Amino acid sequence: MAFRPPQGVRPPQLEGKRTGRPKGSTTLTRALRSAVWGFVHRYTGLAKPPCGDALLWWRFALRYPDQVERFLHNMLPNSAPERAELIEARYFSGKKRK
């Protein structure tokens, strides 16, 4: 049986090595959320993006809406809540909802 250190103590063979997720990495859903925000608000004149990457997606979706929509359609799973927002933006863009 292998040596198991107490909980909270790193095994000696892992000292000095990085394991797990690197510090500062983000999940894919956060990036996709920014892309969906940019696509949904692409025709909003003075949109205030929630973060810097959403601003980049907003500018990209304003210039290339079909390519961004195709990208999001391929990246988002069918059950994602952002998928409904994307579909709603496709069919209700430019119309006032009650």
PDB file of N, CA and C in Angstrom:
ATOM      1  N   MET A   1       0.842  -1.177   0.000  1.00  0.00           N
ATOM      2  CA  MET A   1       0.000   0.000   0.000  1.00  0.00           C
ATOM      3  C   MET A   1       0.889   1.242   0.000  1.00  0.00           C
ATOM      4  N   ALA A   2       0.499   2.224  -0.798  1.00  0.00           N
ATOM      5  CA  ALA A   2       1.291   3.441  -0.950  1.00  0.00           C
ATOM      6  C   ALA A   2       1.129   4.350   0.268  1.00  0.00           C
ATOM      7  N   PHE A   3       2.126   5.200   0.450  1.00  0.00           N
ATOM      8  CA  PHE A   3       2.096   6.162   1.540  1.00  0.00           C
ATOM      9  C   PHE A   3       1.048   7.229   1.254  1.00  0.00           C
ATOM     10  N   ARG A   4       0.154   7.481   2.180  1.00  0.00           N
ATOM     11  CA  ARG A   4      -0.849   8.540   2.055  1.00  0.00           C
ATOM     12  C   ARG A   4      -0.588   9.586   3.122  1.00  0.00           C
ATOM     13  N   PRO A   5      -0.216  10.785   2.709  1.00  0.00           N
ATOM     14  CA  PRO A   5       0.019  11.839   3.704  1.00  0.00           C
ATOM     15  C   PRO A   5      -1.302  12.280   4.326  1.00  0.00           C
ATOM     16  N   PRO A   6      -1.259  12.935   5.468  1.00  0.00           N
ATOM     17  CA  PRO A   6      -2.491  13.438   6.082  1.00  0.00           C
ATOM     18  C   PRO A   6      -3.173  14.465   5.174  1.00  0.00           C
ATOM     19  N   GLN A   7      -4.439  14.647   5.387  1.00  0.00           N
ATOM     20  CA  GLN A   7      -5.207  15.575   4.561  1.00  0.00           C
ATOM     21  C   GLN A   7      -4.646  16.992   4.698  1.00  0.00           C
ATOM     22  N   GLY A   8      -4.512  17.670   3.551  1.00  0.00           N
ATOM     23  CA  GLY A   8      -3.982  19.022   3.537  1.00  0.00           C
ATOM     24  C   GLY A   8      -2.472  19.088   3.372  1.00  0.00           C
ATOM     25  N   VAL A   9      -1.795  17.956   3.380  1.00  0.00           N
ATOM     26  CA  VAL A   9      -0.348  17.914   3.206  1.00  0.00           C
ATOM     27  C   VAL A   9      -0.064  17.293   1.839  1.00  0.00           C
ATOM     28  N   ARG A  10       0.786  17.974   1.061  1.00  0.00           N
ATOM     29  CA  ARG A  10       1.098  17.462  -0.279  1.00  0.00           C
ATOM     30  C   ARG A  10       2.052  16.288  -0.182  1.00  0.00           C
ATOM     31  N   PRO A  11       1.875  15.308  -1.058  1.00  0.00           N
ATOM     32  CA  PRO A  11       2.831  14.191  -1.091  1.00  0.00           C
ATOM     33  C   PRO A  11       4.216  14.689  -1.517  1.00  0.00           C
ATOM     34  N   PRO A  12       5.275  14.083  -1.033  1.00  0.00           N
ATOM     35  CA  PRO A  12       6.620  14.575  -1.336  1.00  0.00           C
ATOM     36  C   PRO A  12       6.949  14.558  -2.830  1.00  0.00           C
ATOM     37  N   GLN A  13       6.410  13.606  -3.595  1.00  0.00           N
ATOM     38  CA  GLN A  13       6.743  13.546  -5.018  1.00  0.00           C
ATOM     39  C   GLN A  13       6.094  14.671  -5.819  1.00  0.00           C
ATOM     40  N   LEU A  14       5.115  15.398  -5.249  1.00  0.00           N
ATOM     41  CA  LEU A  14       4.460  16.497  -5.948  1.00  0.00           C
ATOM     42  C   LEU A  14       4.963  17.864  -5.512  1.00  0.00           C
ATOM     43  N   GLU A  15       5.892  17.913  -4.579  1.00  0.00           N
ATOM     44  CA  GLU A  15       6.411  19.194  -4.115  1.00  0.00           C
ATOM     45  C   GLU A  15       7.094  19.940  -5.260  1.00  0.00           C
ATOM     46  N   GLY A  16       6.724  21.191  -5.433  1.00  0.00           N
ATOM     47  CA  GLY A  16       7.331  22.015  -6.464  1.00  0.00           C
ATOM     48  C   GLY A  16       6.728  21.835  -7.847  1.00  0.00           C
ATOM     49  N   LYS A  17       5.786  20.926  -7.994  1.00  0.00           N
ATOM     50  CA  LYS A  17       5.146  20.707  -9.292  1.00  0.00           C
ATOM     51  C   LYS A  17       3.726  21.240  -9.245  1.00  0.00           C
ATOM     52  N   ARG A  18       3.291  21.773 -10.375  1.00  0.00           N
ATOM     53  CA  ARG A  18       1.917  22.285 -10.450  1.00  0.00           C
ATOM     54  C   ARG A  18       0.984  21.143 -10.802  1.00  0.00           C
ATOM     55  N   THR A  19      -0.065  21.033 -10.074  1.00  0.00           N
ATOM     56  CA  THR A  19      -1.083  20.041 -10.399  1.00  0.00           C
ATOM     57  C   THR A  19      -2.429  20.742 -10.454  1.00  0.00           C
ATOM     58  N   GLY A  20      -3.323  20.227 -11.242  1.00  0.00           N
ATOM     59  CA  GLY A  20      -4.654  20.814 -11.327  1.00  0.00           C
ATOM     60  C   GLY A  20      -4.705  21.985 -12.284  1.00  0.00           C
ATOM     61  N   ARG A  21      -5.696  22.789 -12.117  1.00  0.00           N
ATOM     62  CA  ARG A  21      -5.934  23.926 -12.996  1.00  0.00           C
ATOM     63  C   ARG A  21      -4.952  25.047 -12.695  1.00  0.00           C
ATOM     64  N   PRO A  22      -4.387  25.667 -13.736  1.00  0.00           N
ATOM     65  CA  PRO A  22      -3.468  26.788 -13.506  1.00  0.00           C
ATOM     66  C   PRO A  22      -4.189  27.980 -12.886  1.00  0.00           C
ATOM     67  N   LYS A  23      -3.485  28.742 -12.094  1.00  0.00           N
ATOM     68  CA  LYS A  23      -4.077  29.920 -11.476  1.00  0.00           C
ATOM     69  C   LYS A  23      -4.446  30.931 -12.544  1.00  0.00           C
ATOM     70  N   GLY A  24      -5.592  31.554 -12.379  1.00  0.00           N
ATOM     71  CA  GLY A  24      -6.023  32.579 -13.308  1.00  0.00           C
ATOM     72  C   GLY A  24      -6.756  32.061 -14.535  1.00  0.00           C
ATOM     73  N   SER A  25      -6.894  30.754 -14.670  1.00  0.00           N
ATOM     74  CA  SER A  25      -7.605  30.243 -15.841  1.00  0.00           C
ATOM     75  C   SER A  25      -9.109  30.408 -15.642  1.00  0.00           C
ATOM     76  N   THR A  26      -9.810  30.575 -16.741  1.00  0.00           N
ATOM     77  CA  THR A  26     -11.252  30.763 -16.674  1.00  0.00           C
ATOM     78  C   THR A  26     -11.952  29.593 -17.345  1.00  0.00           C
ATOM     79  N   THR A  27     -13.197  29.444 -17.055  1.00  0.00           N
ATOM     80  CA  THR A  27     -13.955  28.371 -17.668  1.00  0.00           C
ATOM     81  C   THR A  27     -14.459  28.818 -19.026  1.00  0.00           C
ATOM     82  N   LEU A  28     -14.815  27.860 -19.831  1.00  0.00           N
ATOM     83  CA  LEU A  28     -15.315  28.154 -21.159  1.00  0.00           C
ATOM     84  C   LEU A  28     -16.665  28.853 -21.091  1.00  0.00           C
ATOM     85  N   THR A  29     -17.464  28.546 -20.091  1.00  0.00           N
ATOM     86  CA  THR A  29     -18.789  29.152 -20.007  1.00  0.00           C
ATOM     87  C   THR A  29     -18.703  30.664 -19.816  1.00  0.00           C
ATOM     88  N   ARG A  30     -17.689  31.140 -19.110  1.00  0.00           N
ATOM     89  CA  ARG A  30     -17.551  32.588 -18.925  1.00  0.00           C
ATOM     90  C   ARG A  30     -17.260  33.264 -20.262  1.00  0.00           C
ATOM     91  N   ALA A  31     -16.400  32.654 -21.058  1.00  0.00           N
ATOM     92  CA  ALA A  31     -16.083  33.209 -22.371  1.00  0.00           C
ATOM     93  C   ALA A  31     -17.307  33.166 -23.282  1.00  0.00           C
ATOM     94  N   LEU A  32     -18.046  32.079 -23.218  1.00  0.00           N
ATOM     95  CA  LEU A  32     -19.244  31.974 -24.055  1.00  0.00           C
ATOM     96  C   LEU A  32     -20.312  32.956 -23.599  1.00  0.00           C
ATOM     97  N   ARG A  33     -20.393  33.203 -22.304  1.00  0.00           N
ATOM     98  CA  ARG A  33     -21.359  34.177 -21.805  1.00  0.00           C
ATOM     99  C   ARG A  33     -21.073  35.565 -22.376  1.00  0.00           C
ATOM    100  N   SER A  34     -19.802  35.912 -22.476  1.00  0.00           N
ATOM    101  CA  SER A  34     -19.423  37.196 -23.065  1.00  0.00           C
ATOM    102  C   SER A  34     -19.766  37.237 -24.550  1.00  0.00           C
ATOM    103  N   ALA A  35     -19.558  36.119 -25.236  1.00  0.00           N
ATOM    104  CA  ALA A  35     -19.871  36.060 -26.661  1.00  0.00           C
ATOM    105  C   ALA A  35     -21.370  36.187 -26.894  1.00  0.00           C
ATOM    106  N   VAL A  36     -22.166  35.525 -26.066  1.00  0.00           N
ATOM    107  CA  VAL A  36     -23.627  35.625 -26.194  1.00  0.00           C
ATOM    108  C   VAL A  36     -24.077  37.046 -25.892  1.00  0.00           C
ATOM    109  N   TRP A  37     -23.490  37.663 -24.864  1.00  0.00           N
ATOM    110  CA  TRP A  37     -23.855  39.044 -24.552  1.00  0.00           C
ATOM    111  C   TRP A  37     -23.555  39.952 -25.740  1.00  0.00           C
ATOM    112  N   GLY A  38     -22.385  39.789 -26.346  1.00  0.00           N
ATOM    113  CA  GLY A  38     -22.021  40.607 -27.496  1.00  0.00           C
ATOM    114  C   GLY A  38     -22.956  40.405 -28.672  1.00  0.00           C
ATOM    115  N   PHE A  39     -23.387  39.161 -28.884  1.00  0.00           N
ATOM    116  CA  PHE A  39     -24.292  38.886 -29.996  1.00  0.00           C
ATOM    117  C   PHE A  39     -25.681  39.448 -29.734  1.00  0.00           C
ATOM    118  N   VAL A  40     -26.168  39.290 -28.525  1.00  0.00           N
ATOM    119  CA  VAL A  40     -27.518  39.769 -28.192  1.00  0.00           C
ATOM    120  C   VAL A  40     -27.586  41.291 -28.265  1.00  0.00           C
ATOM    121  N   HIS A  41     -26.550  41.980 -27.835  1.00  0.00           N
ATOM    122  CA  HIS A  41     -26.548  43.436 -27.802  1.00  0.00           C
ATOM    123  C   HIS A  41     -25.856  44.063 -29.009  1.00  0.00           C
ATOM    124  N   ARG A  42     -25.736  43.332 -30.096  1.00  0.00           N
ATOM    125  CA  ARG A  42     -24.957  43.822 -31.240  1.00  0.00           C
ATOM    126  C   ARG A  42     -25.546  45.060 -31.884  1.00  0.00           C
ATOM    127  N   TYR A  43     -26.851  45.256 -31.806  1.00  0.00           N
ATOM    128  CA  TYR A  43     -27.473  46.423 -32.422  1.00  0.00           C
ATOM    129  C   TYR A  43     -27.841  47.500 -31.406  1.00  0.00           C
ATOM    130  N   THR A  44     -27.412  47.337 -30.172  1.00  0.00           N
ATOM    131  CA  THR A  44     -27.647  48.345 -29.153  1.00  0.00           C
ATOM    132  C   THR A  44     -26.601  49.442 -29.325  1.00  0.00           C
ATOM    133  N   GLY A  45     -27.061  50.664 -29.490  1.00  0.00           N
ATOM    134  CA  GLY A  45     -26.148  51.761 -29.807  1.00  0.00           C
ATOM    135  C   GLY A  45     -25.102  52.031 -28.751  1.00  0.00           C
ATOM    136  N   LEU A  46     -25.516  52.264 -27.539  1.00  0.00           N
ATOM    137  CA  LEU A  46     -24.582  52.592 -26.465  1.00  0.00           C
ATOM    138  C   LEU A  46     -24.582  51.470 -25.426  1.00  0.00           C
ATOM    139  N   ALA A  47     -24.238  50.279 -25.852  1.00  0.00           N
ATOM    140  CA  ALA A  47     -24.218  49.139 -24.941  1.00  0.00           C
ATOM    141  C   ALA A  47     -23.067  49.284 -23.954  1.00  0.00           C
ATOM    142  N   LYS A  48     -23.327  48.943 -22.704  1.00  0.00           N
ATOM    143  CA  LYS A  48     -22.284  48.975 -21.681  1.00  0.00           C
ATOM    144  C   LYS A  48     -21.895  47.533 -21.372  1.00  0.00           C
ATOM    145  N   PRO A  49     -20.783  47.074 -21.937  1.00  0.00           N
ATOM    146  CA  PRO A  49     -20.396  45.677 -21.738  1.00  0.00           C
ATOM    147  C   PRO A  49     -19.996  45.393 -20.292  1.00  0.00           C
ATOM    148  N   PRO A  50     -20.306  44.183 -19.799  1.00  0.00           N
ATOM    149  CA  PRO A  50     -19.965  43.835 -18.422  1.00  0.00           C
ATOM    150  C   PRO A  50     -18.465  43.613 -18.204  1.00  0.00           C
ATOM    151  N   CYS A  51     -17.716  43.301 -19.274  1.00  0.00           N
ATOM    152  CA  CYS A  51     -16.275  43.090 -19.144  1.00  0.00           C
ATOM    153  C   CYS A  51     -15.601  43.385 -20.484  1.00  0.00           C
ATOM    154  N   GLY A  52     -14.296  43.360 -20.496  1.00  0.00           N
ATOM    155  CA  GLY A  52     -13.538  43.715 -21.688  1.00  0.00           C
ATOM    156  C   GLY A  52     -13.717  42.751 -22.843  1.00  0.00           C
ATOM    157  N   ASP A  53     -13.760  41.452 -22.545  1.00  0.00           N
ATOM    158  CA  ASP A  53     -13.919  40.511 -23.647  1.00  0.00           C
ATOM    159  C   ASP A  53     -15.322  40.579 -24.250  1.00  0.00           C
ATOM    160  N   ALA A  54     -16.322  40.988 -23.465  1.00  0.00           N
ATOM    161  CA  ALA A  54     -17.663  41.185 -24.018  1.00  0.00           C
ATOM    162  C   ALA A  54     -17.662  42.346 -25.007  1.00  0.00           C
ATOM    163  N   LEU A  55     -16.846  43.352 -24.738  1.00  0.00           N
ATOM    164  CA  LEU A  55     -16.718  44.470 -25.674  1.00  0.00           C
ATOM    165  C   LEU A  55     -16.140  43.997 -26.997  1.00  0.00           C
ATOM    166  N   LEU A  56     -15.136  43.133 -26.954  1.00  0.00           N
ATOM    167  CA  LEU A  56     -14.551  42.596 -28.179  1.00  0.00           C
ATOM    168  C   LEU A  56     -15.564  41.765 -28.963  1.00  0.00           C
ATOM    169  N   TRP A  57     -16.329  40.920 -28.251  1.00  0.00           N
ATOM    170  CA  TRP A  57     -17.356  40.116 -28.920  1.00  0.00           C
ATOM    171  C   TRP A  57     -18.455  41.004 -29.491  1.00  0.00           C
ATOM    172  N   TRP A  58     -18.793  42.070 -28.791  1.00  0.00           N
ATOM    173  CA  TRP A  58     -19.829  42.992 -29.273  1.00  0.00           C
ATOM    174  C   TRP A  58     -19.396  43.625 -30.589  1.00  0.00           C
ATOM    175  N   ARG A  59     -18.148  44.080 -30.647  1.00  0.00           N
ATOM    176  CA  ARG A  59     -17.638  44.681 -31.890  1.00  0.00           C
ATOM    177  C   ARG A  59     -17.568  43.659 -33.015  1.00  0.00           C
ATOM    178  N   PHE A  60     -17.156  42.455 -32.675  1.00  0.00           N
ATOM    179  CA  PHE A  60     -17.059  41.403 -33.680  1.00  0.00           C
ATOM    180  C   PHE A  60     -18.451  41.016 -34.186  1.00  0.00           C
ATOM    181  N   ALA A  61     -19.431  40.909 -33.273  1.00  0.00           N
ATOM    182  CA  ALA A  61     -20.800  40.545 -33.676  1.00  0.00           C
ATOM    183  C   ALA A  61     -21.465  41.660 -34.471  1.00  0.00           C
ATOM    184  N   LEU A  62     -21.090  42.880 -34.223  1.00  0.00           N
ATOM    185  CA  LEU A  62     -21.640  44.002 -34.980  1.00  0.00           C
ATOM    186  C   LEU A  62     -21.173  43.950 -36.434  1.00  0.00           C
ATOM    187  N   ARG A  63     -19.936  43.551 -36.637  1.00  0.00           N
ATOM    188  CA  ARG A  63     -19.379  43.506 -37.988  1.00  0.00           C
ATOM    189  C   ARG A  63     -19.669  42.182 -38.703  1.00  0.00           C
ATOM    190  N   TYR A  64     -19.617  41.058 -37.975  1.00  0.00           N
ATOM    191  CA  TYR A  64     -19.803  39.735 -38.572  1.00  0.00           C
ATOM    192  C   TYR A  64     -20.878  38.950 -37.815  1.00  0.00           C
ATOM    193  N   PRO A  65     -22.150  39.353 -37.882  1.00  0.00           N
ATOM    194  CA  PRO A  65     -23.177  38.684 -37.082  1.00  0.00           C
ATOM    195  C   PRO A  65     -23.410  37.224 -37.473  1.00  0.00           C
ATOM    196  N   ASP A  66     -23.346  36.899 -38.754  1.00  0.00           N
ATOM    197  CA  ASP A  66     -23.600  35.521 -39.170  1.00  0.00           C
ATOM    198  C   ASP A  66     -22.522  34.566 -38.677  1.00  0.00           C
ATOM    199  N   GLN A  67     -21.271  34.996 -38.725  1.00  0.00           N
ATOM    200  CA  GLN A  67     -20.182  34.138 -38.279  1.00  0.00           C
ATOM    201  C   GLN A  67     -20.228  33.920 -36.771  1.00  0.00           C
ATOM    202  N   VAL A  68     -20.551  34.970 -36.021  1.00  0.00           N
ATOM    203  CA  VAL A  68     -20.642  34.827 -34.564  1.00  0.00           C
ATOM    204  C   VAL A  68     -21.809  33.920 -34.196  1.00  0.00           C
ATOM    205  N   GLU A  69     -22.928  34.070 -34.893  1.00  0.00           N
ATOM    206  CA  GLU A  69     -24.077  33.210 -34.612  1.00  0.00           C
ATOM    207  C   GLU A  69     -23.751  31.750 -34.912  1.00  0.00           C
ATOM    208  N   ARG A  70     -23.067  31.497 -36.010  1.00  0.00           N
ATOM    209  CA  ARG A  70     -22.685  30.130 -36.360  1.00  0.00           C
ATOM    210  C   ARG A  70     -21.733  29.560 -35.315  1.00  0.00           C
ATOM    211  N   PHE A  71     -20.785  30.381 -34.851  1.00  0.00           N
ATOM    212  CA  PHE A  71     -19.844  29.941 -33.821  1.00  0.00           C
ATOM    213  C   PHE A  71     -20.576  29.571 -32.535  1.00  0.00           C
ATOM    214  N   LEU A  72     -21.488  30.440 -32.099  1.00  0.00           N
ATOM    215  CA  LEU A  72     -22.215  30.172 -30.853  1.00  0.00           C
ATOM    216  C   LEU A  72     -23.138  28.974 -31.007  1.00  0.00           C
ATOM    217  N   HIS A  73     -23.727  28.830 -32.163  1.00  0.00           N
ATOM    218  CA  HIS A  73     -24.621  27.691 -32.407  1.00  0.00           C
ATOM    219  C   HIS A  73     -23.844  26.377 -32.280  1.00  0.00           C
ATOM    220  N   ASN A  74     -22.602  26.367 -32.744  1.00  0.00           N
ATOM    221  CA  ASN A  74     -21.787  25.154 -32.667  1.00  0.00           C
ATOM    222  C   ASN A  74     -21.189  24.926 -31.285  1.00  0.00           C
ATOM    223  N   MET A  75     -20.959  25.988 -30.533  1.00  0.00           N
ATOM    224  CA  MET A  75     -20.291  25.854 -29.241  1.00  0.00           C
ATOM    225  C   MET A  75     -21.237  25.571 -28.078  1.00  0.00           C
ATOM    226  N   LEU A  76     -22.443  26.105 -28.141  1.00  0.00           N
ATOM    227  CA  LEU A  76     -23.357  25.961 -27.011  1.00  0.00           C
ATOM    228  C   LEU A  76     -24.099  24.637 -27.074  1.00  0.00           C
ATOM    229  N   PRO A  77     -24.177  23.903 -25.973  1.00  0.00           N
ATOM    230  CA  PRO A  77     -24.997  22.692 -25.958  1.00  0.00           C
ATOM    231  C   PRO A  77     -26.470  23.061 -26.012  1.00  0.00           C
ATOM    232  N   ASN A  78     -27.294  22.125 -26.415  1.00  0.00           N
ATOM    233  CA  ASN A  78     -28.725  22.393 -26.577  1.00  0.00           C
ATOM    234  C   ASN A  78     -29.411  22.777 -25.277  1.00  0.00           C
ATOM    235  N   SER A  79     -28.906  22.321 -24.150  1.00  0.00           N
ATOM    236  CA  SER A  79     -29.557  22.590 -22.872  1.00  0.00           C
ATOM    237  C   SER A  79     -29.068  23.856 -22.182  1.00  0.00           C
ATOM    238  N   ALA A  80     -28.139  24.566 -22.774  1.00  0.00           N
ATOM    239  CA  ALA A  80     -27.576  25.754 -22.123  1.00  0.00           C
ATOM    240  C   ALA A  80     -28.600  26.888 -22.081  1.00  0.00           C
ATOM    241  N   PRO A  81     -28.686  27.627 -20.958  1.00  0.00           N
ATOM    242  CA  PRO A  81     -29.626  28.745 -20.896  1.00  0.00           C
ATOM    243  C   PRO A  81     -29.272  29.854 -21.874  1.00  0.00           C
ATOM    244  N   GLU A  82     -27.978  29.951 -22.222  1.00  0.00           N
ATOM    245  CA  GLU A  82     -27.575  30.967 -23.188  1.00  0.00           C
ATOM    246  C   GLU A  82     -28.142  30.670 -24.570  1.00  0.00           C
ATOM    247  N   ARG A  83     -28.415  29.375 -24.834  1.00  0.00           N
ATOM    248  CA  ARG A  83     -28.948  28.977 -26.137  1.00  0.00           C
ATOM    249  C   ARG A  83     -30.312  29.623 -26.379  1.00  0.00           C
ATOM    250  N   ALA A  84     -31.159  29.651 -25.351  1.00  0.00           N
ATOM    251  CA  ALA A  84     -32.471  30.286 -25.477  1.00  0.00           C
ATOM    252  C   ALA A  84     -32.320  31.781 -25.712  1.00  0.00           C
ATOM    253  N   GLU A  85     -31.363  32.395 -25.041  1.00  0.00           N
ATOM    254  CA  GLU A  85     -31.121  33.828 -25.231  1.00  0.00           C
ATOM    255  C   GLU A  85     -30.637  34.111 -26.652  1.00  0.00           C
ATOM    256  N   LEU A  86     -29.824  33.210 -27.179  1.00  0.00           N
ATOM    257  CA  LEU A  86     -29.325  33.357 -28.542  1.00  0.00           C
ATOM    258  C   LEU A  86     -30.465  33.244 -29.554  1.00  0.00           C
ATOM    259  N   ILE A  87     -31.340  32.282 -29.362  1.00  0.00           N
ATOM    260  CA  ILE A  87     -32.482  32.097 -30.267  1.00  0.00           C
ATOM    261  C   ILE A  87     -33.419  33.290 -30.186  1.00  0.00           C
ATOM    262  N   GLU A  88     -33.649  33.765 -28.974  1.00  0.00           N
ATOM    263  CA  GLU A  88     -34.512  34.933 -28.790  1.00  0.00           C
ATOM    264  C   GLU A  88     -33.925  36.158 -29.486  1.00  0.00           C
ATOM    265  N   ALA A  89     -32.618  36.334 -29.410  1.00  0.00           N
ATOM    266  CA  ALA A  89     -31.981  37.479 -30.057  1.00  0.00           C
ATOM    267  C   ALA A  89     -32.077  37.372 -31.573  1.00  0.00           C
ATOM    268  N   ARG A  90     -32.072  36.156 -32.085  1.00  0.00           N
ATOM    269  CA  ARG A  90     -32.148  35.956 -33.534  1.00  0.00           C
ATOM    270  C   ARG A  90     -33.518  36.363 -34.062  1.00  0.00           C
ATOM    271  N   TYR A  91     -34.561  36.002 -33.357  1.00  0.00           N
ATOM    272  CA  TYR A  91     -35.910  36.222 -33.880  1.00  0.00           C
ATOM    273  C   TYR A  91     -36.568  37.504 -33.392  1.00  0.00           C
ATOM    274  N   PHE A  92     -36.032  38.120 -32.341  1.00  0.00           N
ATOM    275  CA  PHE A  92     -36.651  39.331 -31.813  1.00  0.00           C
ATOM    276  C   PHE A  92     -35.730  40.533 -31.920  1.00  0.00           C
ATOM    277  N   SER A  93     -34.657  40.450 -32.685  1.00  0.00           N
ATOM    278  CA  SER A  93     -33.753  41.587 -32.774  1.00  0.00           C
ATOM    279  C   SER A  93     -34.425  42.722 -33.552  1.00  0.00           C
ATOM    280  N   GLY A  94     -34.354  43.897 -32.975  1.00  0.00           N
ATOM    281  CA  GLY A  94     -34.948  45.062 -33.625  1.00  0.00           C
ATOM    282  C   GLY A  94     -36.413  45.271 -33.309  1.00  0.00           C
ATOM    283  N   LYS A  95     -37.047  44.317 -32.643  1.00  0.00           N
ATOM    284  CA  LYS A  95     -38.476  44.462 -32.311  1.00  0.00           C
ATOM    285  C   LYS A  95     -38.605  44.764 -30.826  1.00  0.00           C
ATOM    286  N   LYS A  96     -39.574  45.576 -30.513  1.00  0.00           N
ATOM    287  CA  LYS A  96     -39.875  45.876 -29.112  1.00  0.00           C
ATOM    288  C   LYS A  96     -40.771  44.774 -28.577  1.00  0.00           C
ATOM    289  N   ARG A  97     -40.400  44.234 -27.425  1.00  0.00           N
ATOM    290  CA  ARG A  97     -41.242  43.221 -26.797  1.00  0.00           C
ATOM    291  C   ARG A  97     -42.126  43.889 -25.768  1.00  0.00           C
ATOM    292  N   LYS A  98     -43.302  43.335 -25.564  1.00  0.00           N
ATOM    293  CA  LYS A  98     -44.241  43.883 -24.576  1.00  0.00           C
ATOM    294  C   LYS A  98     -43.960  43.352 -23.216  1.00  0.00           C
TER     295      LYS A  98
END
